């Protein structure tokens, strides 16, 4: 009795591609996965470039006042000089 149930399950299972579609041709499935991998690699490269550009911009823009890497001494000293000039 349980043998018939198991064979029914194994027949209903099939190879699925990344979108959940049934694929009967393994080479077509592989080609689809390779294509998806290339797209994801390109997307990752774009994100890495964006992060690099944002980090560079942050380090250049915060050079006068301070940054996480250099500290905020420049920011503190510029704030003190601004306060002193206002008091005069």
PDB file of N, CA and C in Angstrom:
ATOM      1  N   UNK A   1       0.816  -1.181   0.000  1.00  0.00           N
ATOM      2  CA  UNK A   1       0.000   0.000   0.000  1.00  0.00           C
ATOM      3  C   UNK A   1       0.865   1.252   0.000  1.00  0.00           C
ATOM      4  N   UNK A   2       1.874   1.305   0.860  1.00  0.00           N
ATOM      5  CA  UNK A   2       2.723   2.479   0.894  1.00  0.00           C
ATOM      6  C   UNK A   2       3.629   2.541  -0.333  1.00  0.00           C
ATOM      7  N   UNK A   3       3.890   1.421  -0.987  1.00  0.00           N
ATOM      8  CA  UNK A   3       4.728   1.415  -2.177  1.00  0.00           C
ATOM      9  C   UNK A   3       4.074   2.192  -3.309  1.00  0.00           C
ATOM     10  N   UNK A   4       2.752   2.081  -3.460  1.00  0.00           N
ATOM     11  CA  UNK A   4       2.040   2.822  -4.491  1.00  0.00           C
ATOM     12  C   UNK A   4       2.061   4.315  -4.221  1.00  0.00           C
ATOM     13  N   UNK A   5       1.974   4.662  -2.961  1.00  0.00           N
ATOM     14  CA  UNK A   5       2.007   6.072  -2.578  1.00  0.00           C
ATOM     15  C   UNK A   5       3.376   6.674  -2.908  1.00  0.00           C
ATOM     16  N   UNK A   6       4.437   5.947  -2.607  1.00  0.00           N
ATOM     17  CA  UNK A   6       5.792   6.430  -2.877  1.00  0.00           C
ATOM     18  C   UNK A   6       6.026   6.594  -4.377  1.00  0.00           C
ATOM     19  N   UNK A   7       5.566   5.656  -5.172  1.00  0.00           N
ATOM     20  CA  UNK A   7       5.792   5.764  -6.613  1.00  0.00           C
ATOM     21  C   UNK A   7       5.017   6.946  -7.191  1.00  0.00           C
ATOM     22  N   UNK A   8       3.875   7.261  -6.614  1.00  0.00           N
ATOM     23  CA  UNK A   8       3.109   8.419  -7.067  1.00  0.00           C
ATOM     24  C   UNK A   8       3.835   9.715  -6.775  1.00  0.00           C
ATOM     25  N   UNK A   9       4.498   9.779  -5.627  1.00  0.00           N
ATOM     26  CA  UNK A   9       5.247  10.979  -5.265  1.00  0.00           C
ATOM     27  C   UNK A   9       6.447  11.148  -6.179  1.00  0.00           C
ATOM     28  N   UNK A  10       7.179  10.077  -6.404  1.00  0.00           N
ATOM     29  CA  UNK A  10       8.377  10.199  -7.224  1.00  0.00           C
ATOM     30  C   UNK A  10       8.032  10.559  -8.664  1.00  0.00           C
ATOM     31  N   UNK A  11       6.875  10.128  -9.131  1.00  0.00           N
ATOM     32  CA  UNK A  11       6.467  10.484 -10.490  1.00  0.00           C
ATOM     33  C   UNK A  11       6.060  11.947 -10.571  1.00  0.00           C
ATOM     34  N   UNK A  12       5.471  12.475  -9.506  1.00  0.00           N
ATOM     35  CA  UNK A  12       5.030  13.859  -9.547  1.00  0.00           C
ATOM     36  C   UNK A  12       6.207  14.826  -9.420  1.00  0.00           C
ATOM     37  N   UNK A  13       7.277  14.355  -8.814  1.00  0.00           N
ATOM     38  CA  UNK A  13       8.471  15.192  -8.740  1.00  0.00           C
ATOM     39  C   UNK A  13       9.151  15.189 -10.096  1.00  0.00           C
ATOM     40  N   UNK A  14       9.751  16.256 -10.418  1.00  0.00           N
ATOM     41  CA  UNK A  14      10.515  16.349 -11.648  1.00  0.00           C
ATOM     42  C   UNK A  14      11.601  17.369 -11.453  1.00  0.00           C
ATOM     43  N   UNK A  15      12.420  17.518 -12.419  1.00  0.00           N
ATOM     44  CA  UNK A  15      13.448  18.553 -12.330  1.00  0.00           C
ATOM     45  C   UNK A  15      12.786  19.897 -12.520  1.00  0.00           C
ATOM     46  N   UNK A  16      13.179  20.825 -11.687  1.00  0.00           N
ATOM     47  CA  UNK A  16      12.618  22.165 -11.753  1.00  0.00           C
ATOM     48  C   UNK A  16      13.750  23.150 -12.029  1.00  0.00           C
ATOM     49  N   UNK A  17      13.452  24.172 -12.810  1.00  0.00           N
ATOM     50  CA  UNK A  17      14.442  25.228 -13.003  1.00  0.00           C
ATOM     51  C   UNK A  17      14.313  26.236 -11.878  1.00  0.00           C
ATOM     52  N   UNK A  18      15.060  27.318 -11.947  1.00  0.00           N
ATOM     53  CA  UNK A  18      15.093  28.283 -10.849  1.00  0.00           C
ATOM     54  C   UNK A  18      13.765  29.000 -10.657  1.00  0.00           C
ATOM     55  N   UNK A  19      12.912  29.045 -11.674  1.00  0.00           N
ATOM     56  CA  UNK A  19      11.602  29.689 -11.544  1.00  0.00           C
ATOM     57  C   UNK A  19      10.506  28.697 -11.168  1.00  0.00           C
ATOM     58  N   UNK A  20      10.872  27.437 -10.916  1.00  0.00           N
ATOM     59  CA  UNK A  20       9.892  26.438 -10.532  1.00  0.00           C
ATOM     60  C   UNK A  20       9.215  25.761 -11.710  1.00  0.00           C
ATOM     61  N   UNK A  21       9.700  26.005 -12.916  1.00  0.00           N
ATOM     62  CA  UNK A  21       9.141  25.373 -14.105  1.00  0.00           C
ATOM     63  C   UNK A  21       9.763  23.986 -14.257  1.00  0.00           C
ATOM     64  N   UNK A  22       8.984  23.031 -14.758  1.00  0.00           N
ATOM     65  CA  UNK A  22       9.524  21.702 -15.010  1.00  0.00           C
ATOM     66  C   UNK A  22      10.453  21.747 -16.211  1.00  0.00           C
ATOM     67  N   UNK A  23      11.613  21.120 -16.049  1.00  0.00           N
ATOM     68  CA  UNK A  23      12.589  21.044 -17.133  1.00  0.00           C
ATOM     69  C   UNK A  23      12.924  19.582 -17.350  1.00  0.00           C
ATOM     70  N   UNK A  24      12.735  19.134 -18.564  1.00  0.00           N
ATOM     71  CA  UNK A  24      13.042  17.741 -18.856  1.00  0.00           C
ATOM     72  C   UNK A  24      14.434  17.598 -19.449  1.00  0.00           C
ATOM     73  N   UNK A  25      15.018  18.700 -19.893  1.00  0.00           N
ATOM     74  CA  UNK A  25      16.327  18.660 -20.525  1.00  0.00           C
ATOM     75  C   UNK A  25      17.373  19.247 -19.563  1.00  0.00           C
ATOM     76  N   UNK A  26      18.258  18.409 -19.028  1.00  0.00           N
ATOM     77  CA  UNK A  26      19.270  18.910 -18.090  1.00  0.00           C
ATOM     78  C   UNK A  26      20.191  19.964 -18.700  1.00  0.00           C
ATOM     79  N   UNK A  27      20.494  19.847 -19.989  1.00  0.00           N
ATOM     80  CA  UNK A  27      21.384  20.841 -20.598  1.00  0.00           C
ATOM     81  C   UNK A  27      20.688  22.201 -20.699  1.00  0.00           C
ATOM     82  N   UNK A  28      19.376  22.215 -20.907  1.00  0.00           N
ATOM     83  CA  UNK A  28      18.628  23.472 -20.924  1.00  0.00           C
ATOM     84  C   UNK A  28      18.595  24.071 -19.523  1.00  0.00           C
ATOM     85  N   UNK A  29      18.459  23.222 -18.528  1.00  0.00           N
ATOM     86  CA  UNK A  29      18.468  23.679 -17.144  1.00  0.00           C
ATOM     87  C   UNK A  29      19.826  24.281 -16.801  1.00  0.00           C
ATOM     88  N   UNK A  30      20.893  23.625 -17.220  1.00  0.00           N
ATOM     89  CA  UNK A  30      22.238  24.118 -16.972  1.00  0.00           C
ATOM     90  C   UNK A  30      22.462  25.456 -17.674  1.00  0.00           C
ATOM     91  N   UNK A  31      22.009  25.570 -18.911  1.00  0.00           N
ATOM     92  CA  UNK A  31      22.164  26.821 -19.653  1.00  0.00           C
ATOM     93  C   UNK A  31      21.424  27.956 -18.953  1.00  0.00           C
ATOM     94  N   UNK A  32      20.246  27.680 -18.448  1.00  0.00           N
ATOM     95  CA  UNK A  32      19.479  28.683 -17.718  1.00  0.00           C
ATOM     96  C   UNK A  32      20.178  29.119 -16.444  1.00  0.00           C
ATOM     97  N   UNK A  33      20.756  28.161 -15.733  1.00  0.00           N
ATOM     98  CA  UNK A  33      21.468  28.481 -14.498  1.00  0.00           C
ATOM     99  C   UNK A  33      22.745  29.271 -14.772  1.00  0.00           C
ATOM    100  N   UNK A  34      23.439  28.936 -15.848  1.00  0.00           N
ATOM    101  CA  UNK A  34      24.647  29.675 -16.217  1.00  0.00           C
ATOM    102  C   UNK A  34      24.286  31.111 -16.580  1.00  0.00           C
ATOM    103  N   UNK A  35      23.196  31.277 -17.306  1.00  0.00           N
ATOM    104  CA  UNK A  35      22.740  32.619 -17.677  1.00  0.00           C
ATOM    105  C   UNK A  35      22.378  33.423 -16.436  1.00  0.00           C
ATOM    106  N   UNK A  36      21.672  32.809 -15.517  1.00  0.00           N
ATOM    107  CA  UNK A  36      21.289  33.490 -14.278  1.00  0.00           C
ATOM    108  C   UNK A  36      22.526  33.859 -13.464  1.00  0.00           C
ATOM    109  N   UNK A  37      23.519  32.969 -13.445  1.00  0.00           N
ATOM    110  CA  UNK A  37      24.760  33.230 -12.714  1.00  0.00           C
ATOM    111  C   UNK A  37      25.480  34.444 -13.303  1.00  0.00           C
ATOM    112  N   UNK A  38      25.530  34.543 -14.620  1.00  0.00           N
ATOM    113  CA  UNK A  38      26.179  35.679 -15.271  1.00  0.00           C
ATOM    114  C   UNK A  38      25.472  36.989 -14.915  1.00  0.00           C
ATOM    115  N   UNK A  39      24.149  36.965 -14.912  1.00  0.00           N
ATOM    116  CA  UNK A  39      23.382  38.165 -14.548  1.00  0.00           C
ATOM    117  C   UNK A  39      23.663  38.573 -13.109  1.00  0.00           C
ATOM    118  N   UNK A  40      23.707  37.600 -12.210  1.00  0.00           N
ATOM    119  CA  UNK A  40      23.970  37.890 -10.805  1.00  0.00           C
ATOM    120  C   UNK A  40      25.391  38.406 -10.593  1.00  0.00           C
ATOM    121  N   UNK A  41      26.351  37.859 -11.341  1.00  0.00           N
ATOM    122  CA  UNK A  41      27.724  38.345 -11.236  1.00  0.00           C
ATOM    123  C   UNK A  41      27.825  39.789 -11.708  1.00  0.00           C
ATOM    124  N   UNK A  42      27.137  40.124 -12.786  1.00  0.00           N
ATOM    125  CA  UNK A  42      27.133  41.486 -13.293  1.00  0.00           C
ATOM    126  C   UNK A  42      26.480  42.429 -12.282  1.00  0.00           C
ATOM    127  N   UNK A  43      25.387  42.002 -11.683  1.00  0.00           N
ATOM    128  CA  UNK A  43      24.713  42.817 -10.669  1.00  0.00           C
ATOM    129  C   UNK A  43      25.619  43.042  -9.461  1.00  0.00           C
ATOM    130  N   UNK A  44      26.339  41.999  -9.053  1.00  0.00           N
ATOM    131  CA  UNK A  44      27.274  42.111  -7.939  1.00  0.00           C
ATOM    132  C   UNK A  44      28.395  43.092  -8.275  1.00  0.00           C
ATOM    133  N   UNK A  45      28.935  43.027  -9.497  1.00  0.00           N
ATOM    134  CA  UNK A  45      29.970  43.973  -9.916  1.00  0.00           C
ATOM    135  C   UNK A  45      29.461  45.410  -9.859  1.00  0.00           C
ATOM    136  N   UNK A  46      28.236  45.627 -10.314  1.00  0.00           N
ATOM    137  CA  UNK A  46      27.651  46.971 -10.275  1.00  0.00           C
ATOM    138  C   UNK A  46      27.496  47.477  -8.843  1.00  0.00           C
ATOM    139  N   UNK A  47      27.052  46.611  -7.951  1.00  0.00           N
ATOM    140  CA  UNK A  47      26.886  46.998  -6.548  1.00  0.00           C
ATOM    141  C   UNK A  47      28.241  47.294  -5.914  1.00  0.00           C
ATOM    142  N   UNK A  48      29.250  46.472  -6.212  1.00  0.00           N
ATOM    143  CA  UNK A  48      30.588  46.715  -5.673  1.00  0.00           C
ATOM    144  C   UNK A  48      31.144  48.048  -6.167  1.00  0.00           C
ATOM    145  N   UNK A  49      30.925  48.371  -7.438  1.00  0.00           N
ATOM    146  CA  UNK A  49      31.375  49.653  -7.974  1.00  0.00           C
ATOM    147  C   UNK A  49      30.656  50.814  -7.297  1.00  0.00           C
ATOM    148  N   UNK A  50      29.377  50.663  -7.064  1.00  0.00           N
ATOM    149  CA  UNK A  50      28.595  51.708  -6.400  1.00  0.00           C
ATOM    150  C   UNK A  50      29.104  51.929  -4.972  1.00  0.00           C
ATOM    151  N   UNK A  51      29.383  50.850  -4.253  1.00  0.00           N
ATOM    152  CA  UNK A  51      29.899  50.956  -2.891  1.00  0.00           C
ATOM    153  C   UNK A  51      31.262  51.653  -2.908  1.00  0.00           C
ATOM    154  N   UNK A  52      32.116  51.287  -3.858  1.00  0.00           N
ATOM    155  CA  UNK A  52      33.434  51.908  -3.976  1.00  0.00           C
ATOM    156  C   UNK A  52      33.304  53.414  -4.214  1.00  0.00           C
ATOM    157  N   UNK A  53      32.421  53.795  -5.125  1.00  0.00           N
ATOM    158  CA  UNK A  53      32.226  55.211  -5.423  1.00  0.00           C
ATOM    159  C   UNK A  53      31.682  55.974  -4.210  1.00  0.00           C
ATOM    160  N   UNK A  54      30.752  55.380  -3.487  1.00  0.00           N
ATOM    161  CA  UNK A  54      30.196  56.033  -2.296  1.00  0.00           C
ATOM    162  C   UNK A  54      31.239  56.160  -1.185  1.00  0.00           C
ATOM    163  N   UNK A  55      32.054  55.127  -0.998  1.00  0.00           N
ATOM    164  CA  UNK A  55      33.102  55.194   0.015  1.00  0.00           C
ATOM    165  C   UNK A  55      34.134  56.259  -0.355  1.00  0.00           C
ATOM    166  N   UNK A  56      34.513  56.318  -1.622  1.00  0.00           N
ATOM    167  CA  UNK A  56      35.469  57.325  -2.079  1.00  0.00           C
ATOM    168  C   UNK A  56      34.911  58.711  -1.868  1.00  0.00           C
ATOM    169  N   UNK A  57      33.659  58.909  -2.208  1.00  0.00           N
ATOM    170  CA  UNK A  57      33.014  60.203  -2.023  1.00  0.00           C
ATOM    171  C   UNK A  57      32.981  60.584  -0.549  1.00  0.00           C
ATOM    172  N   UNK A  58      32.663  59.643   0.314  1.00  0.00           N
ATOM    173  CA  UNK A  58      32.612  59.909   1.754  1.00  0.00           C
ATOM    174  C   UNK A  58      33.982  60.339   2.263  1.00  0.00           C
ATOM    175  N   UNK A  59      35.023  59.597   1.864  1.00  0.00           N
ATOM    176  CA  UNK A  59      36.358  59.907   2.357  1.00  0.00           C
ATOM    177  C   UNK A  59      36.861  61.247   1.834  1.00  0.00           C
ATOM    178  N   UNK A  60      36.494  61.596   0.614  1.00  0.00           N
ATOM    179  CA  UNK A  60      36.917  62.889   0.056  1.00  0.00           C
ATOM    180  C   UNK A  60      36.127  64.034   0.676  1.00  0.00           C
ATOM    181  N   UNK A  61      34.840  63.873   0.844  1.00  0.00           N
ATOM    182  CA  UNK A  61      33.992  64.942   1.385  1.00  0.00           C
ATOM    183  C   UNK A  61      34.246  65.193   2.866  1.00  0.00           C
ATOM    184  N   UNK A  62      34.603  64.164   3.593  1.00  0.00           N
ATOM    185  CA  UNK A  62      34.789  64.314   5.039  1.00  0.00           C
ATOM    186  C   UNK A  62      36.242  64.603   5.386  1.00  0.00           C
ATOM    187  N   UNK A  63      37.067  64.871   4.408  1.00  0.00           N
ATOM    188  CA  UNK A  63      38.489  65.079   4.645  1.00  0.00           C
ATOM    189  C   UNK A  63      38.747  66.296   5.531  1.00  0.00           C
ATOM    190  N   UNK A  64      38.008  67.382   5.370  1.00  0.00           N
ATOM    191  CA  UNK A  64      38.247  68.596   6.148  1.00  0.00           C
ATOM    192  C   UNK A  64      37.719  68.483   7.572  1.00  0.00           C
ATOM    193  N   UNK A  65      36.566  67.915   7.742  1.00  0.00           N
ATOM    194  CA  UNK A  65      35.934  67.875   9.070  1.00  0.00           C
ATOM    195  C   UNK A  65      36.281  66.627   9.855  1.00  0.00           C
ATOM    196  N   UNK A  66      36.594  65.560   9.190  1.00  0.00           N
ATOM    197  CA  UNK A  66      36.928  64.321   9.871  1.00  0.00           C
ATOM    198  C   UNK A  66      36.151  63.166   9.280  1.00  0.00           C
ATOM    199  N   UNK A  67      36.591  61.983   9.627  1.00  0.00           N
ATOM    200  CA  UNK A  67      35.916  60.779   9.153  1.00  0.00           C
ATOM    201  C   UNK A  67      36.092  59.687  10.190  1.00  0.00           C
ATOM    202  N   UNK A  68      35.476  58.587   9.947  1.00  0.00           N
ATOM    203  CA  UNK A  68      35.575  57.455  10.857  1.00  0.00           C
ATOM    204  C   UNK A  68      37.024  56.987  10.930  1.00  0.00           C
ATOM    205  N   UNK A  69      37.743  57.053   9.812  1.00  0.00           N
ATOM    206  CA  UNK A  69      39.117  56.579   9.780  1.00  0.00           C
ATOM    207  C   UNK A  69      40.105  57.567  10.386  1.00  0.00           C
ATOM    208  N   UNK A  70      39.935  58.847  10.128  1.00  0.00           N
ATOM    209  CA  UNK A  70      40.886  59.860  10.574  1.00  0.00           C
ATOM    210  C   UNK A  70      40.510  60.490  11.915  1.00  0.00           C
ATOM    211  N   UNK A  71      39.309  60.327  12.339  1.00  0.00           N
ATOM    212  CA  UNK A  71      38.847  60.964  13.558  1.00  0.00           C
ATOM    213  C   UNK A  71      38.157  62.279  13.225  1.00  0.00           C
ATOM    214  N   UNK A  72      37.636  62.931  14.236  1.00  0.00           N
ATOM    215  CA  UNK A  72      36.856  64.150  14.035  1.00  0.00           C
ATOM    216  C   UNK A  72      37.523  65.365  14.666  1.00  0.00           C
ATOM    217  N   UNK A  73      38.836  65.345  14.803  1.00  0.00           N
ATOM    218  CA  UNK A  73      39.552  66.476  15.383  1.00  0.00           C
ATOM    219  C   UNK A  73      39.349  67.737  14.555  1.00  0.00           C
ATOM    220  N   UNK A  74      39.369  67.623  13.241  1.00  0.00           N
ATOM    221  CA  UNK A  74      39.162  68.777  12.368  1.00  0.00           C
ATOM    222  C   UNK A  74      37.781  69.374  12.559  1.00  0.00           C
ATOM    223  N   UNK A  75      36.808  68.551  12.746  1.00  0.00           N
ATOM    224  CA  UNK A  75      35.443  69.030  12.971  1.00  0.00           C
ATOM    225  C   UNK A  75      35.345  69.784  14.287  1.00  0.00           C
ATOM    226  N   UNK A  76      35.967  69.237  15.326  1.00  0.00           N
ATOM    227  CA  UNK A  76      35.915  69.874  16.643  1.00  0.00           C
ATOM    228  C   UNK A  76      36.645  71.211  16.638  1.00  0.00           C
ATOM    229  N   UNK A  77      37.803  71.273  15.996  1.00  0.00           N
ATOM    230  CA  UNK A  77      38.555  72.530  15.989  1.00  0.00           C
ATOM    231  C   UNK A  77      37.854  73.584  15.137  1.00  0.00           C
ATOM    232  N   UNK A  78      37.223  73.180  14.042  1.00  0.00           N
ATOM    233  CA  UNK A  78      36.506  74.154  13.220  1.00  0.00           C
ATOM    234  C   UNK A  78      35.256  74.651  13.940  1.00  0.00           C
ATOM    235  N   UNK A  79      34.640  73.815  14.743  1.00  0.00           N
ATOM    236  CA  UNK A  79      33.469  74.224  15.518  1.00  0.00           C
ATOM    237  C   UNK A  79      33.873  75.236  16.584  1.00  0.00           C
ATOM    238  N   UNK A  80      35.009  75.020  17.242  1.00  0.00           N
ATOM    239  CA  UNK A  80      35.484  75.933  18.281  1.00  0.00           C
ATOM    240  C   UNK A  80      35.828  77.291  17.682  1.00  0.00           C
ATOM    241  N   UNK A  81      36.470  77.299  16.511  1.00  0.00           N
ATOM    242  CA  UNK A  81      36.830  78.581  15.897  1.00  0.00           C
ATOM    243  C   UNK A  81      35.590  79.337  15.451  1.00  0.00           C
ATOM    244  N   UNK A  82      34.562  78.632  15.031  1.00  0.00           N
ATOM    245  CA  UNK A  82      33.302  79.260  14.630  1.00  0.00           C
ATOM    246  C   UNK A  82      32.631  79.879  15.853  1.00  0.00           C
ATOM    247  N   UNK A  83      32.648  79.180  16.953  1.00  0.00           N
ATOM    248  CA  UNK A  83      32.043  79.684  18.191  1.00  0.00           C
ATOM    249  C   UNK A  83      32.804  80.917  18.673  1.00  0.00           C
ATOM    250  N   UNK A  84      34.139  80.876  18.613  1.00  0.00           N
ATOM    251  CA  UNK A  84      34.954  82.024  19.060  1.00  0.00           C
ATOM    252  C   UNK A  84      34.680  83.238  18.186  1.00  0.00           C
ATOM    253  N   UNK A  85      34.578  83.053  16.876  1.00  0.00           N
ATOM    254  CA  UNK A  85      34.330  84.190  15.977  1.00  0.00           C
ATOM    255  C   UNK A  85      32.942  84.787  16.203  1.00  0.00           C
ATOM    256  N   UNK A  86      31.987  83.984  16.614  1.00  0.00           N
ATOM    257  CA  UNK A  86      30.639  84.500  16.899  1.00  0.00           C
ATOM    258  C   UNK A  86      30.613  85.308  18.181  1.00  0.00           C
ATOM    259  N   UNK A  87      31.444  84.942  19.137  1.00  0.00           N
ATOM    260  CA  UNK A  87      31.484  85.617  20.434  1.00  0.00           C
ATOM    261  C   UNK A  87      32.185  86.963  20.359  1.00  0.00           C
ATOM    262  N   UNK A  88      32.992  87.176  19.360  1.00  0.00           N
ATOM    263  CA  UNK A  88      33.754  88.427  19.246  1.00  0.00           C
ATOM    264  C   UNK A  88      32.911  89.537  18.750  1.00  0.00           C
TER     265      UNK A  88
END
